[in-house]
Amino acid sequence: MQEDAYKKLARKYDRQVEPAASRLRQAGLRICPPKDNERILDVGCGTGSQLAAYLRPGCKLTGIDVSPAMLEMARLKLGTNAELLLESGAKMSFADCVFDLVTVVLALHEMASEIRLQVLKECRRVLKPDGRILLVDFHYGPYPFPMGWIWKLFVLFMEAGAGREHFAHYTDFISRRGLDSLVKELGLSIQKRWVAPNGNAAIYLLSR
């Protein structure tokens, strides 16, 4: 069994990362507001913060992650409000066309280059014909001085602190122009695209 890369980080993840990540989550909520009675999947759900933001009447929430430690934290946060499964986004167990909304938030940059597009193809497969995909991740700039570079240094510090392999995946993701190139390859319609004023993050809302 593969070692859990997030075993040591899981219990302190929200304290260290969520204060900054929550800003992007809020921007994502403005771009893709939650609706009642939707079936929602979060790929790479981590500690469950994204799913928690979409708690609405009648919604059925599902999260998947490859880290048992992260899922443990998500269960403490969400209780019985979400179904949480240990599985990879590159090969999901769900049937075709079952989710109204699929979210992938700050997860693609953590994956190896050969996995990212496969994950997005799986997201497309499990999406209903009238469904939406929300992608939130780091962006390749430009980074306006000074705040863009301050945030860039913060991101570099956090990514380097996550380990050599993690940092290599992040730098590869940025060198390949982040979400822009992945969305182009995926071939879905772009409903909305937003880039943070500091140039360090981007959000895409996609549909079939």
C-alpha atoms as a PDB file:
ATOM      1  CA  MET A   1       0.000   0.000   0.000  1.00  0.00           C
ATOM      2  CA  GLN A   2       1.318   3.440  -0.934  1.00  0.00           C
ATOM      3  CA  GLU A   3       2.396   5.641   1.957  1.00  0.00           C
ATOM      4  CA  ASP A   4       0.048   8.493   2.830  1.00  0.00           C
ATOM      5  CA  ALA A   5       1.952  11.649   1.842  1.00  0.00           C
ATOM      6  CA  TYR A   6      -0.408  13.783   3.952  1.00  0.00           C
ATOM      7  CA  LYS A   7      -0.254  11.774   7.169  1.00  0.00           C
ATOM      8  CA  LYS A   8       1.841  14.376   8.990  1.00  0.00           C
ATOM      9  CA  LEU A   9       0.182  17.400   7.384  1.00  0.00           C
ATOM     10  CA  ALA A  10      -3.496  16.481   7.769  1.00  0.00           C
ATOM     11  CA  ARG A  11      -4.022  17.596  11.375  1.00  0.00           C
ATOM     12  CA  LYS A  12      -2.420  21.001  10.826  1.00  0.00           C
ATOM     13  CA  TYR A  13      -3.593  21.559   7.226  1.00  0.00           C
ATOM     14  CA  ASP A  14      -6.562  23.778   8.052  1.00  0.00           C
ATOM     15  CA  ARG A  15      -4.520  25.886  10.452  1.00  0.00           C
ATOM     16  CA  GLN A  16      -1.672  26.444   8.001  1.00  0.00           C
ATOM     17  CA  VAL A  17      -3.361  26.496   4.586  1.00  0.00           C
ATOM     18  CA  GLU A  18      -7.051  27.265   4.984  1.00  0.00           C
ATOM     19  CA  PRO A  19      -6.720  30.975   5.915  1.00  0.00           C
ATOM     20  CA  ALA A  20      -5.333  31.649   2.426  1.00  0.00           C
ATOM     21  CA  ALA A  21      -7.290  28.916   0.620  1.00  0.00           C
ATOM     22  CA  SER A  22     -10.594  30.202   2.014  1.00  0.00           C
ATOM     23  CA  ARG A  23     -10.221  33.371  -0.060  1.00  0.00           C
ATOM     24  CA  LEU A  24     -10.193  31.283  -3.210  1.00  0.00           C
ATOM     25  CA  ARG A  25     -13.108  29.199  -1.972  1.00  0.00           C
ATOM     26  CA  GLN A  26     -15.148  32.350  -1.468  1.00  0.00           C
ATOM     27  CA  ALA A  27     -14.283  33.543  -4.972  1.00  0.00           C
ATOM     28  CA  GLY A  28     -15.349  30.138  -6.279  1.00  0.00           C
ATOM     29  CA  LEU A  29     -18.663  30.406  -4.426  1.00  0.00           C
ATOM     30  CA  ARG A  30     -19.334  33.766  -6.072  1.00  0.00           C
ATOM     31  CA  ILE A  31     -18.606  32.324  -9.508  1.00  0.00           C
ATOM     32  CA  CYS A  32     -20.535  29.101  -8.874  1.00  0.00           C
ATOM     33  CA  PRO A  33     -23.115  29.701  -6.105  1.00  0.00           C
ATOM     34  CA  PRO A  34     -24.485  26.607  -4.361  1.00  0.00           C
ATOM     35  CA  LYS A  35     -27.975  25.410  -5.226  1.00  0.00           C
ATOM     36  CA  ASP A  36     -30.440  23.232  -3.342  1.00  0.00           C
ATOM     37  CA  ASN A  37     -30.987  19.576  -4.240  1.00  0.00           C
ATOM     38  CA  GLU A  38     -27.803  19.050  -6.244  1.00  0.00           C
ATOM     39  CA  ARG A  39     -25.502  16.073  -6.263  1.00  0.00           C
ATOM     40  CA  ILE A  40     -21.985  17.439  -5.770  1.00  0.00           C
ATOM     41  CA  LEU A  41     -18.605  15.725  -6.028  1.00  0.00           C
ATOM     42  CA  ASP A  42     -15.370  17.222  -4.726  1.00  0.00           C
ATOM     43  CA  VAL A  43     -12.263  15.556  -6.177  1.00  0.00           C
ATOM     44  CA  GLY A  44      -9.263  15.718  -3.856  1.00  0.00           C
ATOM     45  CA  CYS A  45     -11.545  16.803  -1.026  1.00  0.00           C
ATOM     46  CA  GLY A  46      -8.794  17.000   1.597  1.00  0.00           C
ATOM     47  CA  THR A  47     -10.154  18.050   4.989  1.00  0.00           C
ATOM     48  CA  GLY A  48     -13.638  18.709   3.575  1.00  0.00           C
ATOM     49  CA  SER A  49     -13.674  22.514   3.549  1.00  0.00           C
ATOM     50  CA  GLN A  50     -14.947  22.734  -0.036  1.00  0.00           C
ATOM     51  CA  LEU A  51     -17.818  20.354   0.632  1.00  0.00           C
ATOM     52  CA  ALA A  52     -18.681  22.232   3.825  1.00  0.00           C
ATOM     53  CA  ALA A  53     -19.106  25.395   1.756  1.00  0.00           C
ATOM     54  CA  TYR A  54     -21.755  23.642  -0.363  1.00  0.00           C
ATOM     55  CA  LEU A  55     -23.963  22.361   2.443  1.00  0.00           C
ATOM     56  CA  ARG A  56     -27.459  23.178   1.220  1.00  0.00           C
ATOM     57  CA  PRO A  57     -30.936  21.623   1.714  1.00  0.00           C
ATOM     58  CA  GLY A  58     -31.366  18.424  -0.259  1.00  0.00           C
ATOM     59  CA  CYS A  59     -27.793  18.348  -1.570  1.00  0.00           C
ATOM     60  CA  LYS A  60     -25.990  15.027  -1.661  1.00  0.00           C
ATOM     61  CA  LEU A  61     -22.297  15.645  -1.087  1.00  0.00           C
ATOM     62  CA  THR A  62     -19.526  13.230  -2.053  1.00  0.00           C
ATOM     63  CA  GLY A  63     -15.791  13.656  -1.623  1.00  0.00           C
ATOM     64  CA  ILE A  64     -12.895  11.494  -2.773  1.00  0.00           C
ATOM     65  CA  ASP A  65      -9.246  11.623  -1.801  1.00  0.00           C
ATOM     66  CA  VAL A  66      -6.206   9.347  -1.879  1.00  0.00           C
ATOM     67  CA  SER A  67      -5.168  10.317   1.660  1.00  0.00           C
ATOM     68  CA  PRO A  68      -6.740   8.376   4.567  1.00  0.00           C
ATOM     69  CA  ALA A  69      -5.465  11.026   6.983  1.00  0.00           C
ATOM     70  CA  MET A  70      -7.167  13.861   5.087  1.00  0.00           C
ATOM     71  CA  LEU A  71     -10.407  11.885   4.881  1.00  0.00           C
ATOM     72  CA  GLU A  72     -10.271  11.345   8.643  1.00  0.00           C
ATOM     73  CA  MET A  73     -10.185  15.122   9.133  1.00  0.00           C
ATOM     74  CA  ALA A  74     -13.017  15.552   6.616  1.00  0.00           C
ATOM     75  CA  ARG A  75     -15.189  13.071   8.518  1.00  0.00           C
ATOM     76  CA  LEU A  76     -14.651  15.004  11.737  1.00  0.00           C
ATOM     77  CA  LYS A  77     -15.704  18.200   9.966  1.00  0.00           C
ATOM     78  CA  LEU A  78     -18.650  16.899   7.939  1.00  0.00           C
ATOM     79  CA  GLY A  79     -20.009  14.010   9.991  1.00  0.00           C
ATOM     80  CA  THR A  80     -22.878  12.339   8.140  1.00  0.00           C
ATOM     81  CA  ASN A  81     -23.385  15.288   5.781  1.00  0.00           C
ATOM     82  CA  ALA A  82     -21.136  13.800   3.086  1.00  0.00           C
ATOM     83  CA  GLU A  83     -20.086  10.472   1.657  1.00  0.00           C
ATOM     84  CA  LEU A  84     -16.283  10.315   1.769  1.00  0.00           C
ATOM     85  CA  LEU A  85     -14.409   7.703  -0.244  1.00  0.00           C
ATOM     86  CA  LEU A  86     -10.773   6.644  -0.490  1.00  0.00           C
ATOM     87  CA  GLU A  87     -10.130   6.586  -4.228  1.00  0.00           C
ATOM     88  CA  SER A  88      -8.268   8.325  -7.022  1.00  0.00           C
ATOM     89  CA  GLY A  89      -9.827  10.914  -9.285  1.00  0.00           C
ATOM     90  CA  ALA A  90      -8.041   9.265 -12.209  1.00  0.00           C
ATOM     91  CA  LYS A  91     -10.298   6.203 -11.987  1.00  0.00           C
ATOM     92  CA  MET A  92     -13.562   6.885 -10.206  1.00  0.00           C
ATOM     93  CA  SER A  93     -16.059   4.238  -9.185  1.00  0.00           C
ATOM     94  CA  PHE A  94     -19.125   6.302 -10.151  1.00  0.00           C
ATOM     95  CA  ALA A  95     -21.428   5.681 -13.097  1.00  0.00           C
ATOM     96  CA  ASP A  96     -21.556   8.108 -16.025  1.00  0.00           C
ATOM     97  CA  CYS A  97     -23.544  11.363 -15.796  1.00  0.00           C
ATOM     98  CA  VAL A  98     -24.486  11.357 -12.093  1.00  0.00           C
ATOM     99  CA  PHE A  99     -23.262  14.690 -10.648  1.00  0.00           C
ATOM    100  CA  ASP A 100     -24.693  18.192 -11.081  1.00  0.00           C
ATOM    101  CA  LEU A 101     -21.456  19.835  -9.976  1.00  0.00           C
ATOM    102  CA  VAL A 102     -17.877  18.540  -9.809  1.00  0.00           C
ATOM    103  CA  THR A 103     -15.277  20.659  -8.021  1.00  0.00           C
ATOM    104  CA  VAL A 104     -11.482  20.295  -8.080  1.00  0.00           C
ATOM    105  CA  VAL A 105      -9.962  22.876  -5.752  1.00  0.00           C
ATOM    106  CA  LEU A 106      -6.206  23.288  -5.249  1.00  0.00           C
ATOM    107  CA  ALA A 107      -5.639  19.648  -6.163  1.00  0.00           C
ATOM    108  CA  LEU A 108      -4.514  19.446  -9.797  1.00  0.00           C
ATOM    109  CA  HIS A 109      -1.164  21.138  -9.127  1.00  0.00           C
ATOM    110  CA  GLU A 110      -0.382  18.367  -6.619  1.00  0.00           C
ATOM    111  CA  MET A 111      -0.713  15.634  -9.262  1.00  0.00           C
ATOM    112  CA  ALA A 112       1.838  14.246 -11.691  1.00  0.00           C
ATOM    113  CA  SER A 113       1.471  15.675 -15.196  1.00  0.00           C
ATOM    114  CA  GLU A 114       0.279  12.385 -16.679  1.00  0.00           C
ATOM    115  CA  ILE A 115      -2.580  12.185 -14.134  1.00  0.00           C
ATOM    116  CA  ARG A 116      -4.113  15.678 -14.396  1.00  0.00           C
ATOM    117  CA  LEU A 117      -5.897  15.382 -17.719  1.00  0.00           C
ATOM    118  CA  GLN A 118      -7.119  11.874 -16.885  1.00  0.00           C
ATOM    119  CA  VAL A 119      -8.688  13.244 -13.692  1.00  0.00           C
ATOM    120  CA  LEU A 120     -10.483  15.961 -15.652  1.00  0.00           C
ATOM    121  CA  LYS A 121     -11.707  13.441 -18.221  1.00  0.00           C
ATOM    122  CA  GLU A 122     -13.165  11.418 -15.365  1.00  0.00           C
ATOM    123  CA  CYS A 123     -14.814  14.585 -14.029  1.00  0.00           C
ATOM    124  CA  ARG A 124     -16.379  15.095 -17.448  1.00  0.00           C
ATOM    125  CA  ARG A 125     -17.529  11.463 -17.566  1.00  0.00           C
ATOM    126  CA  VAL A 126     -19.412  11.567 -14.259  1.00  0.00           C
ATOM    127  CA  LEU A 127     -20.963  14.992 -14.995  1.00  0.00           C
ATOM    128  CA  LYS A 128     -24.627  15.247 -15.979  1.00  0.00           C
ATOM    129  CA  PRO A 129     -25.305  16.698 -19.468  1.00  0.00           C
ATOM    130  CA  ASP A 130     -26.375  20.017 -17.908  1.00  0.00           C
ATOM    131  CA  GLY A 131     -23.792  19.879 -15.099  1.00  0.00           C
ATOM    132  CA  ARG A 132     -20.881  22.163 -14.245  1.00  0.00           C
ATOM    133  CA  ILE A 133     -17.222  21.706 -13.339  1.00  0.00           C
ATOM    134  CA  LEU A 134     -15.513  24.221 -11.051  1.00  0.00           C
ATOM    135  CA  LEU A 135     -11.705  24.314 -11.147  1.00  0.00           C
ATOM    136  CA  VAL A 136      -9.663  26.403  -8.703  1.00  0.00           C
ATOM    137  CA  ASP A 137      -5.878  26.323  -8.700  1.00  0.00           C
ATOM    138  CA  PHE A 138      -2.641  28.284  -8.886  1.00  0.00           C
ATOM    139  CA  HIS A 139      -1.905  30.494 -11.895  1.00  0.00           C
ATOM    140  CA  TYR A 140       1.274  31.288 -13.812  1.00  0.00           C
ATOM    141  CA  GLY A 141       1.003  35.085 -13.601  1.00  0.00           C
ATOM    142  CA  PRO A 142       1.921  37.756 -14.475  1.00  0.00           C
ATOM    143  CA  TYR A 143       2.523  38.775 -10.862  1.00  0.00           C
ATOM    144  CA  PRO A 144       2.178  42.551 -10.351  1.00  0.00           C
ATOM    145  CA  PHE A 145       4.650  44.163  -7.973  1.00  0.00           C
ATOM    146  CA  PRO A 146       4.581  44.154  -4.989  1.00  0.00           C
ATOM    147  CA  MET A 147       1.557  42.057  -3.896  1.00  0.00           C
ATOM    148  CA  GLY A 148       1.796  39.580  -6.750  1.00  0.00           C
ATOM    149  CA  TRP A 149       5.363  38.731  -5.821  1.00  0.00           C
ATOM    150  CA  ILE A 150       4.602  38.627  -2.093  1.00  0.00           C
ATOM    151  CA  TRP A 151       1.869  36.068  -2.718  1.00  0.00           C
ATOM    152  CA  LYS A 152       4.110  34.195  -5.154  1.00  0.00           C
ATOM    153  CA  LEU A 153       6.800  33.842  -2.494  1.00  0.00           C
ATOM    154  CA  PHE A 154       4.167  32.676   0.012  1.00  0.00           C
ATOM    155  CA  VAL A 155       2.931  30.001  -2.411  1.00  0.00           C
ATOM    156  CA  LEU A 156       6.496  28.864  -3.174  1.00  0.00           C
ATOM    157  CA  PHE A 157       7.221  28.581   0.544  1.00  0.00           C
ATOM    158  CA  MET A 158       4.083  26.506   1.189  1.00  0.00           C
ATOM    159  CA  GLU A 159       4.620  24.231  -1.810  1.00  0.00           C
ATOM    160  CA  ALA A 160       8.300  23.656  -1.037  1.00  0.00           C
ATOM    161  CA  GLY A 161       7.363  22.841   2.550  1.00  0.00           C
ATOM    162  CA  ALA A 162       5.066  20.059   1.347  1.00  0.00           C
ATOM    163  CA  GLY A 163       8.013  18.018   0.079  1.00  0.00           C
ATOM    164  CA  ARG A 164      10.265  17.580  -2.958  1.00  0.00           C
ATOM    165  CA  GLU A 165       7.804  15.550  -5.039  1.00  0.00           C
ATOM    166  CA  HIS A 166       4.933  17.892  -4.275  1.00  0.00           C
ATOM    167  CA  PHE A 167       7.034  20.922  -5.223  1.00  0.00           C
ATOM    168  CA  ALA A 168       8.134  19.268  -8.478  1.00  0.00           C
ATOM    169  CA  HIS A 169       4.486  18.706  -9.435  1.00  0.00           C
ATOM    170  CA  TYR A 170       3.641  22.326  -8.627  1.00  0.00           C
ATOM    171  CA  THR A 171       6.495  23.761 -10.717  1.00  0.00           C
ATOM    172  CA  ASP A 172       5.587  21.466 -13.603  1.00  0.00           C
ATOM    173  CA  PHE A 173       1.950  22.578 -13.380  1.00  0.00           C
ATOM    174  CA  ILE A 174       2.944  26.256 -13.522  1.00  0.00           C
ATOM    175  CA  SER A 175       5.436  25.693 -16.358  1.00  0.00           C
ATOM    176  CA  ARG A 176       2.619  24.122 -18.405  1.00  0.00           C
ATOM    177  CA  ARG A 177       0.439  27.243 -17.901  1.00  0.00           C
ATOM    178  CA  GLY A 178      -1.699  25.709 -15.198  1.00  0.00           C
ATOM    179  CA  LEU A 179      -5.434  25.360 -15.795  1.00  0.00           C
ATOM    180  CA  ASP A 180      -5.321  27.152 -19.154  1.00  0.00           C
ATOM    181  CA  SER A 181      -3.659  24.285 -21.007  1.00  0.00           C
ATOM    182  CA  LEU A 182      -5.689  21.587 -19.239  1.00  0.00           C
ATOM    183  CA  VAL A 183      -9.017  23.248 -19.991  1.00  0.00           C
ATOM    184  CA  LYS A 184      -8.040  23.658 -23.637  1.00  0.00           C
ATOM    185  CA  GLU A 185      -7.251  19.927 -23.887  1.00  0.00           C
ATOM    186  CA  LEU A 186     -10.448  18.950 -22.092  1.00  0.00           C
ATOM    187  CA  GLY A 187     -12.656  20.598 -24.690  1.00  0.00           C
ATOM    188  CA  LEU A 188     -15.525  21.813 -22.477  1.00  0.00           C
ATOM    189  CA  SER A 189     -17.292  25.168 -22.749  1.00  0.00           C
ATOM    190  CA  ILE A 190     -15.923  27.960 -20.551  1.00  0.00           C
ATOM    191  CA  GLN A 191     -18.784  29.691 -18.728  1.00  0.00           C
ATOM    192  CA  LYS A 192     -16.585  31.919 -16.567  1.00  0.00           C
ATOM    193  CA  ARG A 193     -12.866  32.506 -16.109  1.00  0.00           C
ATOM    194  CA  TRP A 194     -11.378  34.576 -13.293  1.00  0.00           C
ATOM    195  CA  VAL A 195      -7.745  35.334 -12.464  1.00  0.00           C
ATOM    196  CA  ALA A 196      -6.845  36.793  -9.073  1.00  0.00           C
ATOM    197  CA  PRO A 197      -5.528  40.393  -9.158  1.00  0.00           C
ATOM    198  CA  ASN A 198      -2.203  39.146  -7.765  1.00  0.00           C
ATOM    199  CA  GLY A 199      -1.876  36.667 -10.663  1.00  0.00           C
ATOM    200  CA  ASN A 200      -1.371  33.627  -8.440  1.00  0.00           C
ATOM    201  CA  ALA A 201      -4.715  31.840  -8.812  1.00  0.00           C
ATOM    202  CA  ALA A 202      -7.351  31.145 -11.439  1.00  0.00           C
ATOM    203  CA  ILE A 203     -10.919  29.822 -11.443  1.00  0.00           C
ATOM    204  CA  TYR A 204     -12.749  28.177 -14.324  1.00  0.00           C
ATOM    205  CA  LEU A 205     -16.435  27.297 -14.504  1.00  0.00           C
ATOM    206  CA  LEU A 206     -17.005  24.756 -17.278  1.00  0.00           C
ATOM    207  CA  SER A 207     -19.991  23.019 -18.849  1.00  0.00           C
ATOM    208  CA  ARG A 208     -20.571  20.494 -21.633  1.00  0.00           C
END
